[in-house]
Protein backbone atom coordinates (compact mmCIF):
# COMPACT_ATOMS: atom_id res chain seq x y z
CA MET A 1 8.36 -45.44 -8.16
CA ARG A 2 7.06 -44.63 -4.60
CA LYS A 3 5.81 -41.28 -5.59
CA GLU A 4 3.86 -42.69 -8.48
CA MET A 5 2.16 -45.08 -6.32
CA PHE A 6 1.32 -42.55 -3.68
CA GLU A 7 -0.01 -40.28 -6.20
CA HIS A 8 -2.17 -43.25 -7.82
CA GLU A 9 -3.61 -44.24 -4.25
CA ILE A 10 -4.27 -40.67 -3.82
CA THR A 11 -6.44 -40.39 -6.78
CA ILE A 12 -8.34 -43.54 -6.27
CA LEU A 13 -8.92 -42.24 -2.84
CA ARG A 14 -10.19 -38.96 -4.13
CA ASP A 15 -12.45 -40.40 -6.79
CA THR A 16 -13.88 -42.79 -4.23
CA PHE A 17 -14.75 -39.93 -1.86
CA GLY A 18 -16.10 -37.86 -4.78
CA ARG A 19 -18.34 -40.70 -5.77
CA LEU A 20 -19.72 -41.23 -2.36
CA LEU A 21 -20.12 -37.42 -1.77
CA ARG A 22 -22.36 -37.18 -4.85
CA ARG A 23 -24.45 -40.10 -3.70
CA HIS A 24 -25.05 -38.48 -0.13
CA ALA A 25 -23.74 -41.90 1.28
CA HIS A 26 -22.92 -40.86 4.78
CA THR A 27 -22.43 -44.44 6.50
CA ASN A 28 -19.88 -45.46 3.51
CA LEU A 29 -18.35 -41.91 3.99
CA THR A 30 -17.93 -42.58 7.66
CA LYS A 31 -16.25 -45.94 7.14
CA LEU A 32 -13.86 -44.53 4.70
CA ILE A 33 -12.87 -41.64 6.82
CA HIS A 34 -12.09 -44.21 9.49
CA LYS A 35 -9.96 -46.18 7.54
CA THR A 36 -8.10 -43.31 5.99
CA HIS A 37 -5.02 -42.12 7.78
CA PRO A 38 -5.36 -38.53 8.78
CA ALA A 39 -2.65 -37.23 6.64
CA ASP A 40 -3.96 -38.88 3.54
CA LEU A 41 -7.46 -37.54 4.33
CA ALA A 42 -5.82 -33.89 4.56
CA VAL A 43 -4.30 -34.45 1.27
CA VAL A 44 -7.71 -35.64 -0.39
CA PHE A 45 -9.36 -32.88 1.21
CA ARG A 46 -7.68 -30.09 -0.76
CA TYR A 47 -9.44 -31.39 -3.74
CA PHE A 48 -12.85 -31.01 -2.49
CA MET A 49 -15.12 -27.91 -3.13
CA ASP A 50 -16.11 -25.98 0.00
CA GLU A 51 -19.48 -27.40 0.35
CA GLU A 52 -17.89 -30.84 0.09
CA GLN A 53 -15.20 -29.97 2.93
CA ILE A 54 -18.04 -28.82 5.09
CA GLN A 55 -20.05 -32.36 4.33
CA VAL A 56 -17.10 -34.38 5.02
CA PHE A 57 -15.93 -32.58 8.11
CA ASN A 58 -19.53 -32.70 9.83
CA ILE A 59 -19.25 -36.41 9.44
CA MET A 60 -16.01 -36.74 11.21
CA ASP A 61 -15.91 -37.98 14.83
CA GLU A 62 -15.23 -35.23 17.77
CA ASN A 63 -11.63 -37.26 18.73
CA GLU A 64 -7.91 -37.00 18.40
CA ARG A 65 -7.68 -38.37 14.92
CA THR A 66 -9.55 -35.41 13.77
CA ALA A 67 -7.35 -33.08 15.48
CA GLU A 68 -4.33 -34.82 13.77
CA PHE A 69 -6.38 -34.48 10.56
CA LEU A 70 -6.64 -30.53 11.28
CA VAL A 71 -2.97 -30.30 12.10
CA GLU A 72 -2.15 -31.72 8.79
CA LEU A 73 -4.08 -28.81 6.71
CA ASP A 74 -2.99 -25.36 5.81
CA ASP A 75 -3.81 -22.46 8.13
CA THR A 76 -6.23 -21.07 5.70
CA MET A 77 -7.98 -24.33 5.15
CA ILE A 78 -8.52 -24.82 9.00
CA ALA A 79 -9.80 -21.55 9.42
CA ASN A 80 -12.40 -22.11 6.62
CA VAL A 81 -13.54 -25.42 8.23
CA LEU A 82 -13.82 -24.22 11.56
CA GLU A 83 -15.37 -20.66 11.49
CA ARG A 84 -18.85 -22.21 10.99
CA GLU A 85 -18.27 -24.73 13.98
CA SER A 86 -19.31 -23.98 17.41
CA PRO A 87 -16.94 -23.85 20.00
CA GLU A 88 -18.31 -26.70 21.97
CA ARG A 89 -17.41 -28.93 18.98
CA ILE A 90 -13.96 -27.73 18.48
CA SER A 91 -13.48 -28.00 22.10
CA HIS A 92 -14.33 -31.43 22.02
CA ILE A 93 -12.14 -32.38 19.04
CA ILE A 94 -8.90 -30.61 20.25
CA GLN A 95 -9.37 -31.68 23.83
CA HIS A 96 -7.29 -34.86 23.60
CA ALA A 97 -4.58 -33.40 21.24
CA SER A 98 -1.33 -31.97 22.36
CA ALA A 99 -0.96 -28.37 23.59
CA ASN A 100 1.23 -27.32 20.84
CA ASP A 101 -1.38 -28.82 18.32
CA GLN A 102 -4.15 -27.10 20.12
CA SER A 103 -2.50 -23.85 20.13
CA TYR A 104 -1.65 -24.24 16.24
CA ILE A 105 -5.26 -24.99 15.68
CA LEU A 106 -6.67 -22.13 17.78
CA GLY A 107 -4.30 -19.76 16.27
CA THR A 108 -5.87 -19.91 12.87
CA LEU A 109 -9.37 -18.62 14.29
CA GLU A 110 -10.51 -15.26 15.07
CA ASP A 111 -9.47 -14.11 18.69
CA GLU A 112 -13.02 -14.04 20.07
CA HIS A 113 -13.70 -17.36 18.53
CA ALA A 114 -10.42 -19.03 19.90
CA GLN A 115 -11.20 -17.57 23.41
CA SER A 116 -14.56 -19.22 23.42
CA VAL A 117 -12.83 -22.36 22.68
CA ILE A 118 -10.37 -22.03 25.21
CA ASP A 119 -12.87 -21.09 27.92
CA LEU A 120 -14.51 -24.52 27.52
CA LEU A 121 -11.33 -26.53 28.13
CA LYS A 122 -9.67 -27.47 31.44
CA THR A 123 -8.01 -25.04 33.47
CA GLU A 124 -4.49 -26.61 33.22
CA ASP A 125 -5.15 -26.78 29.56
CA GLN A 126 -6.06 -23.06 29.19
CA GLU A 127 -3.02 -21.98 31.06
CA GLU A 128 -0.69 -23.95 28.73
CA ILE A 129 -2.41 -22.87 25.39
CA GLU A 130 -2.48 -19.27 26.28
CA GLU A 131 1.27 -19.65 27.35
CA LEU A 132 2.11 -21.34 24.00
CA MET A 133 -0.05 -18.67 22.00
CA GLY A 134 1.47 -16.04 23.71
CA TYR A 135 4.82 -16.65 22.12
CA PRO A 136 6.03 -15.11 18.84
CA GLU A 137 4.50 -16.60 15.49
CA ASP A 138 7.26 -18.95 14.02
CA SER A 139 9.14 -19.16 17.15
CA ALA A 140 10.35 -22.25 19.02
CA GLY A 141 7.95 -21.60 21.96
CA ALA A 142 5.02 -21.22 19.58
CA MET A 143 5.73 -24.96 18.13
CA MET A 144 7.23 -26.75 21.10
CA THR A 145 5.46 -29.74 22.90
CA THR A 146 5.12 -29.49 26.64
CA ASP A 147 4.33 -33.28 26.89
CA ILE A 148 7.82 -33.95 28.36
CA PHE A 149 9.53 -35.55 31.69
CA THR A 150 12.64 -35.01 33.13
CA LEU A 151 15.04 -37.39 35.20
CA TYR A 152 17.32 -36.49 38.13
CA GLN A 153 20.93 -36.81 37.38
CA ASP A 154 21.53 -39.41 40.25
CA THR A 155 18.85 -41.78 39.28
CA SER A 156 20.16 -45.16 38.27
CA CYS A 157 19.42 -46.60 34.93
CA GLY A 158 17.25 -49.36 36.12
CA ASP A 159 14.88 -46.89 38.16
CA ALA A 160 14.81 -44.70 35.00
CA LEU A 161 13.45 -47.70 32.57
CA LYS A 162 10.94 -48.10 35.36
CA THR A 163 9.88 -44.71 35.15
CA LEU A 164 10.02 -44.50 31.59
CA GLN A 165 7.64 -47.34 31.40
CA ASP A 166 4.87 -45.16 33.16
CA GLN A 167 5.19 -42.35 30.94
CA GLU A 168 2.66 -43.15 28.23
CA GLU A 169 1.88 -39.39 27.24
CA ALA A 170 5.60 -38.46 27.01
CA GLU A 171 6.88 -37.07 23.77
CA MET A 172 10.20 -37.99 22.24
CA VAL A 173 11.29 -40.72 24.83
CA PHE A 174 14.35 -41.52 22.43
CA TYR A 175 16.07 -38.76 24.45
CA LEU A 176 16.02 -38.42 28.34
CA TYR A 177 16.55 -35.16 29.58
CA ILE A 178 18.57 -35.06 32.84
CA THR A 179 18.38 -32.28 35.54
CA ASP A 180 20.06 -31.16 38.65
CA ASP A 181 19.02 -30.36 42.26
CA ASP A 182 17.84 -26.82 40.95
CA ASP A 183 15.90 -28.54 38.32
CA CYS A 184 18.09 -27.23 35.58
CA LEU A 185 18.92 -29.38 32.63
CA VAL A 186 22.46 -30.52 32.82
CA GLY A 187 22.73 -33.43 30.26
CA VAL A 188 20.86 -35.83 27.77
CA ALA A 189 20.93 -39.69 27.17
CA SER A 190 19.77 -41.49 24.40
CA LEU A 191 17.21 -44.39 25.02
CA ARG A 192 19.85 -46.83 23.56
CA ALA A 193 22.47 -45.76 26.22
CA LEU A 194 20.13 -46.43 28.83
CA ALA A 195 18.94 -49.87 27.75
CA THR A 196 22.69 -50.99 27.16
CA THR A 197 24.03 -49.75 30.62
CA PRO A 198 24.01 -51.76 33.68
CA SER A 199 21.16 -50.92 35.90
CA GLU A 200 22.96 -49.60 38.89
CA THR A 201 24.79 -47.04 36.76
CA LEU A 202 23.81 -43.55 37.44
CA LEU A 203 22.32 -41.07 34.74
CA ARG A 204 25.27 -38.65 35.38
CA ASP A 205 27.77 -41.23 34.16
CA ILE A 206 26.22 -41.95 30.78
CA MET A 207 24.60 -38.69 29.96
CA ALA A 208 26.22 -36.11 27.46
CA LYS A 209 26.56 -32.68 28.89
CA ARG A 210 27.04 -30.65 26.06
CA ILE A 211 23.43 -29.75 24.85
CA HIS A 212 22.30 -27.90 21.83
CA SER A 213 19.18 -26.09 23.10
CA VAL A 214 16.95 -22.99 22.00
CA ARG A 215 15.20 -20.28 23.81
CA PRO A 216 11.37 -19.95 23.22
CA GLU A 217 11.80 -16.89 21.16
CA THR A 218 14.24 -18.32 18.75
CA ASP A 219 13.21 -18.34 15.14
CA GLN A 220 11.60 -21.58 13.70
CA GLU A 221 14.21 -21.52 11.17
CA ASP A 222 17.25 -21.58 13.19
CA VAL A 223 15.61 -24.61 14.98
CA ALA A 224 15.19 -26.31 11.61
CA GLN A 225 18.81 -25.37 10.96
CA ILE A 226 20.10 -27.08 14.11
CA VAL A 227 18.02 -30.37 13.67
CA ALA A 228 19.52 -30.59 9.97
CA GLN A 229 22.94 -30.12 11.04
CA TYR A 230 23.19 -32.42 14.00
CA ASN A 231 20.56 -34.89 12.89
CA TYR A 232 18.44 -34.62 16.29
CA LEU A 233 15.11 -35.86 16.71
CA ALA A 234 14.38 -33.10 19.23
CA VAL A 235 15.77 -29.91 20.51
CA PRO A 236 15.12 -28.72 24.04
CA VAL A 237 13.71 -25.37 24.77
CA LEU A 238 15.01 -23.72 27.80
CA ASP A 239 14.04 -20.48 29.71
CA SER A 240 16.81 -17.89 30.90
CA ASP A 241 17.30 -20.21 34.11
CA ASN A 242 18.11 -23.19 31.93
CA HIS A 243 14.79 -24.89 33.06
CA LEU A 244 13.38 -27.29 30.33
CA LEU A 245 10.23 -25.57 28.92
CA GLY A 246 9.32 -27.96 26.06
CA LEU A 247 10.75 -29.97 23.00
CA VAL A 248 10.70 -29.18 19.52
CA THR A 249 10.41 -32.31 17.66
CA VAL A 250 11.70 -33.51 14.09
CA ASP A 251 8.29 -33.91 12.81
CA ASP A 252 7.60 -30.18 13.41
CA VAL A 253 10.66 -29.31 11.90
CA VAL A 254 9.95 -31.11 8.60
CA ASP A 255 6.99 -28.91 8.36
CA VAL A 256 8.99 -26.04 9.06
CA ILE A 257 11.42 -26.65 6.58
CA ARG A 258 8.71 -27.01 3.82
CA GLU A 259 6.96 -23.87 4.94
CA GLU A 260 10.08 -21.82 5.03
CA ALA A 261 11.22 -23.08 1.62
CA THR A 262 7.84 -22.43 0.09
CA GLU A 263 7.76 -18.99 1.57
CA ASP A 264 11.42 -18.20 0.33
CA PHE A 265 10.21 -19.54 -3.19
CA LEU A 266 7.52 -17.30 -3.28
CA ARG A 267 9.43 -14.20 -2.32
CA MET A 268 12.10 -14.91 -4.76
CA ALA A 269 9.73 -15.28 -7.53
CA GLY A 270 8.13 -11.73 -6.46
CA ALA A 271 4.70 -13.64 -5.52
CA GLY A 272 4.57 -12.24 -2.01
CA LYS A 273 5.18 -14.57 1.17
CA ASP A 274 1.81 -16.35 1.74
CA ARG A 275 2.52 -19.99 1.92
CA GLU A 276 -1.12 -20.76 1.10
CA ILE A 277 -1.26 -18.43 -1.91
CA LEU A 278 -3.14 -20.98 -4.05
CA LEU A 279 -5.99 -21.05 -1.52
CA LYS A 280 -6.50 -17.31 -1.67
CA SER A 281 -9.07 -15.48 -4.09
CA SER A 282 -8.14 -13.96 -7.30
CA TRP A 283 -8.18 -10.54 -5.99
CA GLU A 284 -6.17 -11.63 -3.01
CA ASN A 285 -3.57 -13.09 -5.19
CA ALA A 286 -3.32 -10.20 -7.31
CA LYS A 287 -3.12 -7.80 -4.46
CA ALA A 288 0.09 -9.72 -3.00
CA ARG A 289 1.77 -9.53 -5.97
CA LEU A 290 1.08 -6.11 -6.83
CA PRO A 291 3.86 -4.49 -4.96
CA TRP A 292 6.53 -6.85 -6.37
CA LEU A 293 5.29 -6.07 -9.87
CA PHE A 294 5.07 -2.35 -9.34
CA ALA A 295 9.03 -2.58 -9.06
CA SER A 296 9.44 -4.30 -12.27
CA TRP A 297 7.17 -1.60 -13.72
CA ILE A 298 9.33 1.14 -12.24
CA GLY A 299 12.36 -0.59 -13.67
CA GLY A 300 10.73 -1.01 -17.18
CA ILE A 301 9.99 2.75 -17.23
CA ILE A 302 13.43 3.59 -16.53
CA ALA A 303 15.06 1.18 -18.91
CA ALA A 304 12.56 2.49 -21.65
CA THR A 305 13.44 6.07 -20.71
CA ILE A 306 17.28 5.24 -20.95
CA ILE A 307 16.51 3.51 -24.49
CA GLY A 308 14.78 6.87 -25.33
CA ARG A 309 17.74 8.66 -24.64
CA PHE A 310 19.83 6.57 -26.98
CA GLU A 311 17.29 6.73 -29.62
CA HIS A 312 19.66 8.41 -32.16
CA MET A 313 21.93 5.42 -31.84
CA ILE A 314 19.20 2.99 -32.67
CA GLN A 315 17.96 5.23 -35.90
CA SER A 316 21.66 5.29 -37.01
CA MET A 317 22.09 1.57 -36.66
CA LEU A 318 18.89 -0.35 -36.24
CA ALA A 319 20.84 -3.85 -35.61
CA LEU A 320 21.44 -2.37 -32.05
CA ALA A 321 17.73 -2.80 -31.24
CA ALA A 322 17.65 -6.60 -32.22
CA PHE A 323 20.07 -7.26 -29.16
CA ILE A 324 18.29 -5.21 -26.44
CA PRO A 325 16.21 -8.32 -25.25
CA VAL A 326 19.33 -10.77 -25.33
CA ILE A 327 21.19 -8.15 -23.05
CA MET A 328 18.47 -7.64 -20.59
CA GLY A 329 17.34 -11.49 -20.83
CA MET A 330 20.83 -13.12 -20.10
CA GLY A 331 21.46 -10.63 -17.37
CA GLY A 332 18.24 -10.85 -15.86
CA ASN A 333 18.71 -15.09 -15.87
CA ILE A 334 22.14 -15.08 -14.40
CA GLY A 335 21.20 -12.50 -11.68
CA THR A 336 18.52 -14.51 -10.44
CA GLN A 337 20.52 -17.75 -10.59
CA SER A 338 23.18 -16.38 -8.36
CA SER A 339 20.48 -14.81 -6.04
CA THR A 340 18.65 -17.92 -5.77
CA ILE A 341 21.90 -19.76 -4.81
CA ILE A 342 23.03 -17.19 -2.35
CA VAL A 343 19.60 -16.98 -0.63
CA ARG A 344 19.16 -20.92 -0.49
CA GLY A 345 22.90 -21.15 0.94
CA MET A 346 21.96 -18.80 3.72
CA ALA A 347 18.72 -20.63 4.64
CA THR A 348 20.48 -23.92 4.70
CA GLY A 349 23.62 -22.39 6.43
CA ARG A 350 25.98 -23.09 3.73
CA ILE A 351 26.97 -19.31 3.67
CA GLU A 352 28.30 -18.20 6.93
CA ILE A 353 28.71 -14.88 8.39
CA GLY A 354 32.53 -13.72 7.45
CA SER A 355 32.49 -15.81 3.92
CA GLU A 356 30.93 -12.95 1.89
CA MET A 357 33.70 -11.93 0.09
CA LYS A 358 35.17 -15.41 -0.79
CA ILE A 359 31.48 -16.00 -2.29
CA LEU A 360 31.31 -12.76 -4.06
CA LEU A 361 34.47 -13.24 -5.69
CA LYS A 362 33.53 -16.66 -6.86
CA GLU A 363 30.44 -15.51 -8.23
CA MET A 364 32.36 -12.82 -10.07
CA ARG A 365 34.55 -15.49 -11.66
CA VAL A 366 31.30 -17.30 -12.55
CA GLY A 367 29.91 -14.18 -14.58
CA LEU A 368 33.40 -13.62 -15.97
CA ILE A 369 33.62 -17.18 -17.40
CA LEU A 370 29.71 -17.33 -18.58
CA GLY A 371 29.73 -13.85 -19.77
CA GLY A 372 32.73 -14.33 -21.85
CA LEU A 373 31.72 -17.42 -23.46
CA TYR A 374 28.31 -15.98 -24.29
CA GLY A 375 29.91 -12.82 -25.24
CA ILE A 376 32.14 -14.33 -27.90
CA MET A 377 29.14 -16.45 -29.12
CA LEU A 378 26.93 -13.45 -29.58
CA GLY A 379 29.54 -11.53 -30.99
CA ILE A 380 30.27 -13.72 -33.58
CA PHE A 381 26.49 -14.13 -34.43
CA ALA A 382 26.21 -10.48 -34.92
CA TYR A 383 29.26 -10.07 -36.85
CA PHE A 384 27.72 -12.51 -39.55
CA LYS A 385 24.26 -11.76 -39.14
CA PHE A 386 24.66 -8.16 -39.68
CA PHE A 387 27.76 -8.41 -42.03
CA ASP A 388 26.78 -5.37 -43.78
CA ALA A 389 26.79 -3.19 -40.57
CA ASP A 390 29.58 -1.73 -38.82
CA PRO A 391 32.32 -4.53 -38.10
CA MET A 392 32.59 -3.47 -34.44
CA LEU A 393 28.94 -4.28 -33.87
CA GLY A 394 30.05 -7.65 -32.99
CA VAL A 395 32.42 -6.41 -30.51
CA VAL A 396 30.06 -4.09 -28.84
CA VAL A 397 27.33 -6.76 -28.65
CA GLY A 398 29.91 -9.45 -27.19
CA LEU A 399 31.41 -6.88 -24.89
CA SER A 400 28.01 -5.59 -23.40
CA ILE A 401 26.72 -9.32 -22.79
CA TRP A 402 30.09 -9.94 -20.91
CA CYS A 403 29.51 -6.83 -18.72
CA SER A 404 25.90 -7.29 -18.37
CA MET A 405 26.47 -10.90 -17.05
CA LEU A 406 29.37 -10.00 -14.88
CA ILE A 407 27.37 -7.23 -13.25
CA ALA A 408 24.22 -9.38 -12.89
CA ALA A 409 26.14 -11.96 -11.08
CA VAL A 410 27.64 -9.20 -8.54
CA VAL A 411 24.14 -7.75 -7.97
CA GLY A 412 22.50 -10.89 -7.48
CA THR A 413 25.06 -12.01 -5.06
CA PHE A 414 25.62 -8.83 -3.18
CA ILE A 415 22.03 -7.76 -2.48
CA PRO A 416 20.92 -10.82 -0.32
CA MET A 417 24.31 -10.62 1.45
CA PHE A 418 23.91 -7.16 2.14
CA LEU A 419 20.20 -7.26 3.27
CA ARG A 420 21.33 -10.18 5.69
CA LYS A 421 23.95 -7.76 7.16
CA VAL A 422 21.04 -5.09 7.95
CA ASP A 423 18.82 -7.95 9.36
CA ILE A 424 16.31 -7.91 6.31
CA ASP A 425 15.15 -10.96 5.11
CA PRO A 426 17.29 -11.78 1.84
CA ALA A 427 14.48 -13.51 0.15
CA ILE A 428 12.64 -10.08 -0.65
CA ALA A 429 15.90 -9.19 -2.64
CA THR A 430 15.43 -11.42 -5.41
CA GLY A 431 12.80 -11.58 -8.50
CA PRO A 432 11.77 -8.27 -9.68
CA PHE A 433 14.42 -6.46 -7.51
CA VAL A 434 17.47 -8.17 -9.12
CA THR A 435 16.10 -8.60 -12.52
CA THR A 436 14.95 -5.00 -12.82
CA SER A 437 18.16 -3.51 -11.52
CA VAL A 438 20.27 -5.74 -13.82
CA ASP A 439 18.01 -4.76 -16.77
CA ILE A 440 18.70 -1.05 -16.15
CA LEU A 441 22.51 -1.55 -15.84
CA GLY A 442 22.59 -3.70 -18.73
CA VAL A 443 20.82 -1.52 -20.98
CA PHE A 444 22.67 1.59 -19.93
CA LEU A 445 26.19 -0.15 -20.24
CA TYR A 446 24.91 -1.53 -23.86
CA PHE A 447 24.44 2.08 -25.26
CA MET A 448 27.60 3.47 -23.49
CA ILE A 449 29.67 0.84 -24.91
CA ALA A 450 28.12 1.08 -28.47
CA GLY A 451 28.74 4.79 -28.38
CA TYR A 452 32.35 4.51 -27.59
CA PHE A 453 32.88 1.70 -30.20
CA LEU A 454 30.60 3.01 -32.94
CA ALA A 455 30.93 6.69 -32.49
CA LEU A 456 27.23 7.08 -33.13
């Protein structure tokens, strides 16, 4: 119900913007932009044509709300909007944004354009942004916020509360990060614990000493897994000396989860890994998907070659040809299902290192059960559909579908786990690669079984 209400509101907002844009009603557009939340404006913005996007963005003020709006957009869309903008205007827009938002926006621009903007910012901002942009893409360091503060472990709760009231710019004050004499992070306390503890109590007496932290080079997907597993609102980022560099907050992690899931699904479907593929041109779309489909093409050629080698069997019994699509289709489906389950389990941490054999045996049993069930059903169908053919046709078809589904479940499970062992992203194993290998094996086994039982 809530989703339907949101979609209805966005539709009304989109229609209103469209009507005002057609009338070139800049005054009313400005008022509407001011009343619209940056996140909602970003959703509506995706429906505009390129010239409409430019028209709306030119009307927007050079303030923090516009920076918030930009952060809500996809990388490609940010680049398209800002590529025509002067460095001066971009610097005015992002100057009040947080350092990680600034680095995110500038990271979408060409290097020379981004550097021109950085040169216009304050010296301290320049150093901070360049440091964040120096971390690997999709790492904790690249997405962390540095607007943080720490408290000394021998500070009283009363003094800590007074200090906290002066920290208007601090990020994620639900947690208090506590340091020792060497400025190393030694504990964390919640705002609730601080507020409900007598004022004379020291922070060292209420802090939790066990801290889940990450290094700046940690992959963002690992950070998201920590947040999801422990329900944290933020994760501290520490250097090699345990000094606090920044925080990765839950709002950034939500974006990471969405982005990583989208990337995995695209890879599993064989459509590349670009999360903004819908914003690409037709040629760029085709170019991204070409290599993946080439694997399917090669697989199809191999399968056709195998079928050609057993052409004499098909000529002797035409009924064999009728079941080739079923053998290939059922095997491909269960292979894709298994690989999808495994890849998603790895991404969410449900499948841990060391449990591979247990998972593999479980999927084998699933393949045995489903293969046996559909093998019996298809065998009975083949027997009655082609009752004038060799009575063993039903056995051949049933046994072939059983073997095909069993092998498909094993292949769909094994390949992602094997690739993780050799440090390759498991998502690339799905889609065309799994279905193609299953098709080849399924067709080959089908004719081998037919040759044995039918003596063709």
